[in-house]
Amino acid sequence: RLIRKAFLPENNSLIMSSDYSQIELRIFAHLSGVSELIDAFNHNLDIHTKTAMDIFKVSEQEVTKNMRRQAKAVNFGILYGISAYGLAEDLGISPKEAKKFIETYFETYPGIKDYMNKLIQEAYDNGFVKTIMNRTRTIDELKSTNYMQRSMGERMALNTPIQGSSADILKKAMIEIDNAIEAKGLKSTMLLQVHDELIFNVLKEEKETIEKLVKEIMESTIKLNVPLEVDIEFGSDWYEAK
């Protein structure tokens, strides 16, 4: 993170970081149609706390930091078809405990397992998967006679619609922001995209205008079943803005 201190704005300017909040989990909720995830995002609940409450069957007040950490690892791990061994490595627990954790997760949210099975089956049937904006990724690994290769293909089938859709949404937002900056004759510039974050060089006198413009475009560039949320920070360098 300290390397970010080397990224400085032009004179009399600020660095602005504009970051989608949990975009992959929000896309997963939208694509899977799982009501528990959709309701959590629509009621502005912390998704990892909500998962911990459901898995450990405790109240919000009873969720410990460790419970939330474990729930977060499972929430993100499930997106990428994590194995019990992989989760055990992440959490520092035994593979047996991790396996039980994953099983409890799927028992708690049966719609997620149904969605994942359906997605993998469609990938086998069609030989490809699609993103939210209909970009296609062919997955030849699913045709392999090698179990490890097929397993990798299945993880790609789960992961591509989510990461690919995240990329779709961000690129669409970038085009719209660029057009809006030009149309309004603003001098601030979009510098960089890093995963689900956009970095801007913002003139101090344009600070409020750019902040409002970027937030509105990023949050409305596509309509999902859950809201897109954007966190914006300013700083005298990229480190300070993040």
Protein backbone atom coordinates (compact mmCIF):
# COMPACT_ATOMS: atom_id res chain seq x y z
CA ARG A 1 0.00 0.00 0.00
CA LEU A 2 2.91 2.37 0.66
CA ILE A 3 3.75 2.33 -3.07
CA ARG A 4 0.54 4.33 -3.58
CA LYS A 5 2.29 7.33 -1.96
CA ALA A 6 4.31 7.69 -5.18
CA PHE A 7 1.16 8.51 -7.20
CA LEU A 8 0.66 12.26 -6.96
CA PRO A 9 -1.93 14.55 -8.58
CA GLU A 10 -1.06 17.54 -10.73
CA ASN A 11 -0.62 20.95 -9.08
CA ASN A 12 -3.70 22.25 -7.24
CA SER A 13 -5.42 18.88 -7.71
CA LEU A 14 -6.51 15.90 -5.62
CA ILE A 15 -6.49 12.17 -6.19
CA MET A 16 -10.00 10.70 -6.04
CA SER A 17 -10.60 6.98 -5.54
CA SER A 18 -14.03 5.69 -6.53
CA ASP A 19 -14.57 2.09 -5.51
CA TYR A 20 -17.50 -0.30 -6.05
CA SER A 21 -18.49 -1.86 -2.72
CA GLN A 22 -18.64 -5.69 -2.86
CA ILE A 23 -19.60 -5.62 -6.55
CA GLU A 24 -18.89 -9.32 -7.11
CA LEU A 25 -21.16 -10.42 -4.26
CA ARG A 26 -23.86 -8.05 -5.51
CA ILE A 27 -23.58 -9.50 -9.03
CA PHE A 28 -23.70 -13.00 -7.54
CA ALA A 29 -26.89 -12.11 -5.65
CA HIS A 30 -28.42 -10.73 -8.87
CA LEU A 31 -27.42 -13.65 -11.11
CA SER A 32 -28.31 -16.38 -8.62
CA GLY A 33 -31.61 -14.80 -7.59
CA VAL A 34 -31.10 -16.08 -4.03
CA SER A 35 -33.63 -14.16 -1.94
CA GLU A 36 -31.54 -14.13 1.28
CA LEU A 37 -28.64 -12.36 -0.48
CA ILE A 38 -30.91 -9.98 -2.41
CA ASP A 39 -32.82 -9.02 0.76
CA ALA A 40 -29.58 -8.44 2.68
CA PHE A 41 -28.26 -6.00 0.08
CA ASN A 42 -31.63 -4.29 -0.40
CA HIS A 43 -31.90 -3.71 3.36
CA ASN A 44 -28.30 -2.43 3.49
CA LEU A 45 -27.17 -5.21 5.84
CA ASP A 46 -23.50 -6.16 6.17
CA ILE A 47 -23.51 -9.30 4.02
CA HIS A 48 -20.75 -11.05 5.99
CA THR A 49 -22.45 -10.38 9.33
CA LYS A 50 -25.74 -11.62 7.86
CA THR A 51 -24.05 -14.83 6.65
CA ALA A 52 -22.44 -15.34 10.07
CA MET A 53 -25.85 -14.89 11.76
CA ASP A 54 -27.43 -17.49 9.46
CA ILE A 55 -24.62 -20.06 9.59
CA PHE A 56 -23.91 -19.87 13.33
CA LYS A 57 -27.60 -19.23 14.16
CA VAL A 58 -26.87 -16.23 16.38
CA SER A 59 -28.20 -12.69 16.65
CA GLU A 60 -26.41 -9.74 15.08
CA GLN A 61 -25.07 -8.72 18.52
CA GLU A 62 -23.60 -12.19 19.04
CA VAL A 63 -21.55 -12.20 15.82
CA THR A 64 -17.86 -12.03 16.77
CA LYS A 65 -15.06 -10.67 14.57
CA ASN A 66 -13.87 -14.24 13.98
CA MET A 67 -17.36 -15.39 12.96
CA ARG A 68 -17.58 -12.53 10.46
CA ARG A 69 -14.07 -13.30 9.15
CA GLN A 70 -15.03 -16.94 8.56
CA ALA A 71 -18.31 -15.95 6.88
CA LYS A 72 -16.46 -13.50 4.64
CA ALA A 73 -13.99 -16.21 3.56
CA VAL A 74 -16.88 -18.51 2.67
CA ASN A 75 -18.87 -15.79 0.88
CA PHE A 76 -15.95 -14.97 -1.41
CA GLY A 77 -14.67 -18.54 -1.61
CA ILE A 78 -18.00 -19.86 -2.86
CA LEU A 79 -17.84 -17.44 -5.82
CA TYR A 80 -14.71 -19.19 -7.03
CA GLY A 81 -15.64 -22.78 -6.24
CA ILE A 82 -13.26 -22.99 -3.30
CA SER A 83 -12.49 -26.49 -1.97
CA ALA A 84 -12.59 -27.51 1.68
CA TYR A 85 -8.78 -27.67 1.54
CA GLY A 86 -8.56 -24.13 0.14
CA LEU A 87 -10.92 -22.76 2.79
CA ALA A 88 -9.01 -24.61 5.51
CA GLU A 89 -5.81 -22.90 4.31
CA ASP A 90 -7.50 -19.47 4.31
CA LEU A 91 -8.97 -19.83 7.79
CA GLY A 92 -6.27 -21.88 9.48
CA ILE A 93 -8.67 -24.70 10.34
CA SER A 94 -8.75 -28.42 9.47
CA PRO A 95 -10.13 -29.54 6.07
CA LYS A 96 -12.80 -31.49 7.98
CA GLU A 97 -13.99 -28.31 9.74
CA ALA A 98 -13.87 -26.40 6.46
CA LYS A 99 -15.91 -29.10 4.70
CA LYS A 100 -18.56 -28.88 7.43
CA PHE A 101 -18.55 -25.10 7.10
CA ILE A 102 -19.22 -25.27 3.34
CA GLU A 103 -21.93 -27.90 3.81
CA THR A 104 -23.66 -25.71 6.43
CA TYR A 105 -23.46 -22.76 4.06
CA PHE A 106 -25.20 -24.69 1.26
CA GLU A 107 -27.81 -26.06 3.69
CA THR A 108 -28.49 -22.52 4.87
CA TYR A 109 -28.74 -21.12 1.32
CA PRO A 110 -29.92 -24.03 -0.87
CA GLY A 111 -30.64 -21.64 -3.76
CA ILE A 112 -26.89 -20.96 -4.13
CA LYS A 113 -26.05 -24.62 -4.70
CA ASP A 114 -28.94 -24.92 -7.18
CA TYR A 115 -27.65 -21.90 -9.11
CA MET A 116 -24.07 -23.20 -9.17
CA ASN A 117 -25.13 -26.66 -10.35
CA LYS A 118 -27.31 -25.13 -13.07
CA LEU A 119 -24.48 -22.85 -14.24
CA ILE A 120 -21.96 -25.70 -14.43
CA GLN A 121 -24.43 -27.94 -16.27
CA GLU A 122 -25.17 -25.19 -18.82
CA ALA A 123 -21.42 -24.73 -19.32
CA TYR A 124 -21.04 -28.47 -20.06
CA ASP A 125 -24.05 -28.38 -22.42
CA ASN A 126 -23.05 -25.22 -24.31
CA GLY A 127 -19.27 -25.23 -23.97
CA PHE A 128 -19.30 -21.59 -22.83
CA VAL A 129 -20.64 -19.14 -20.24
CA LYS A 130 -21.76 -15.52 -20.63
CA THR A 131 -21.40 -12.31 -18.70
CA ILE A 132 -24.26 -9.98 -17.82
CA MET A 133 -23.69 -8.07 -21.09
CA ASN A 134 -23.47 -11.25 -23.15
CA ARG A 135 -19.72 -11.52 -23.60
CA THR A 136 -18.91 -15.19 -24.14
CA ARG A 137 -16.08 -17.29 -22.75
CA THR A 138 -15.48 -20.73 -24.24
CA ILE A 139 -14.33 -23.29 -21.66
CA ASP A 140 -12.51 -26.10 -23.47
CA GLU A 141 -11.27 -27.50 -20.14
CA LEU A 142 -14.73 -29.02 -19.59
CA LYS A 143 -14.09 -31.41 -22.51
CA SER A 144 -10.89 -32.73 -20.97
CA THR A 145 -10.57 -36.34 -19.82
CA ASN A 146 -8.35 -35.05 -17.00
CA TYR A 147 -10.28 -34.54 -13.75
CA MET A 148 -8.11 -31.61 -12.62
CA GLN A 149 -8.62 -29.84 -15.95
CA ARG A 150 -12.40 -30.34 -15.76
CA SER A 151 -12.46 -29.07 -12.17
CA MET A 152 -10.59 -25.97 -13.29
CA GLY A 153 -13.15 -25.54 -16.08
CA GLU A 154 -15.99 -25.76 -13.56
CA ARG A 155 -14.38 -23.05 -11.44
CA MET A 156 -14.07 -20.90 -14.58
CA ALA A 157 -17.76 -21.50 -15.31
CA LEU A 158 -18.66 -20.21 -11.84
CA ASN A 159 -16.21 -17.36 -11.80
CA THR A 160 -16.45 -15.88 -15.31
CA PRO A 161 -20.06 -14.61 -15.15
CA ILE A 162 -19.22 -12.79 -11.93
CA GLN A 163 -15.76 -11.34 -12.64
CA GLY A 164 -16.63 -10.81 -16.31
CA SER A 165 -19.85 -9.01 -15.41
CA SER A 166 -17.95 -6.83 -12.95
CA ALA A 167 -15.59 -5.86 -15.77
CA ASP A 168 -18.57 -5.17 -18.09
CA ILE A 169 -20.19 -2.83 -15.58
CA LEU A 170 -16.98 -0.94 -14.81
CA LYS A 171 -16.09 -0.45 -18.48
CA LYS A 172 -19.59 0.83 -19.27
CA ALA A 173 -19.35 3.26 -16.36
CA MET A 174 -15.90 4.42 -17.54
CA ILE A 175 -17.23 5.24 -21.03
CA GLU A 176 -20.19 7.14 -19.57
CA ILE A 177 -17.97 9.07 -17.14
CA ASP A 178 -15.51 9.98 -19.90
CA ASN A 179 -18.37 11.24 -22.10
CA ALA A 180 -19.89 13.24 -19.23
CA ILE A 181 -16.56 14.90 -18.31
CA GLU A 182 -16.08 15.91 -21.95
CA ALA A 183 -19.68 17.10 -22.37
CA LYS A 184 -19.42 19.32 -19.27
CA GLY A 185 -16.03 20.71 -20.32
CA LEU A 186 -14.40 19.63 -17.03
CA LYS A 187 -10.61 19.62 -16.65
CA SER A 188 -10.42 16.71 -14.19
CA THR A 189 -9.30 13.41 -15.72
CA MET A 190 -9.79 9.68 -15.23
CA LEU A 191 -6.32 8.19 -14.70
CA LEU A 192 -6.53 4.52 -13.91
CA GLN A 193 -8.73 1.49 -13.35
CA VAL A 194 -7.68 -1.10 -10.77
CA HIS A 195 -10.13 -4.02 -10.47
CA ASP A 196 -13.35 -2.37 -9.22
CA GLU A 197 -11.76 1.02 -8.45
CA LEU A 198 -11.36 4.13 -10.62
CA ILE A 199 -8.70 6.76 -9.92
CA PHE A 200 -9.12 10.41 -10.95
CA ASN A 201 -7.01 13.56 -10.99
CA VAL A 202 -9.53 16.13 -9.72
CA LEU A 203 -9.13 19.89 -9.75
CA LYS A 204 -10.03 21.29 -6.33
CA GLU A 205 -12.66 23.64 -7.80
CA GLU A 206 -14.33 20.65 -9.55
CA LYS A 207 -14.28 18.36 -6.49
CA GLU A 208 -18.02 18.36 -5.68
CA THR A 209 -19.06 18.24 -9.36
CA ILE A 210 -16.84 15.24 -10.16
CA GLU A 211 -17.75 13.38 -6.98
CA LYS A 212 -21.49 13.70 -7.70
CA LEU A 213 -21.10 12.88 -11.41
CA VAL A 214 -18.96 9.78 -10.86
CA LYS A 215 -21.08 8.38 -8.02
CA GLU A 216 -24.34 8.84 -9.95
CA ILE A 217 -23.00 7.21 -13.14
CA MET A 218 -21.28 4.28 -11.43
CA GLU A 219 -24.33 3.46 -9.31
CA SER A 220 -26.83 3.73 -12.19
CA THR A 221 -24.87 2.35 -15.18
CA ILE A 222 -26.83 -0.92 -14.95
CA LYS A 223 -30.00 -1.97 -13.13
CA LEU A 224 -29.58 -5.03 -10.90
CA ASN A 225 -31.90 -6.65 -8.35
CA VAL A 226 -29.65 -5.14 -5.69
CA PRO A 227 -28.23 -1.61 -5.47
CA LEU A 228 -24.70 -0.83 -6.65
CA GLU A 229 -22.83 1.21 -4.05
CA VAL A 230 -19.74 3.34 -4.58
CA ASP A 231 -17.30 4.58 -1.92
CA ILE A 232 -15.41 7.78 -2.80
CA GLU A 233 -12.30 9.09 -1.05
CA PHE A 234 -9.99 12.05 -1.72
CA GLY A 235 -6.35 12.59 -0.86
CA SER A 236 -3.17 14.47 -1.70
CA ASP A 237 -1.82 11.16 -3.05
CA TRP A 238 -3.28 7.74 -3.92
CA TYR A 239 -2.37 6.30 -0.49
CA GLU A 240 -4.32 9.02 1.30
CA ALA A 241 -7.29 8.53 -1.01
CA LYS A 242 -7.55 4.82 -0.25
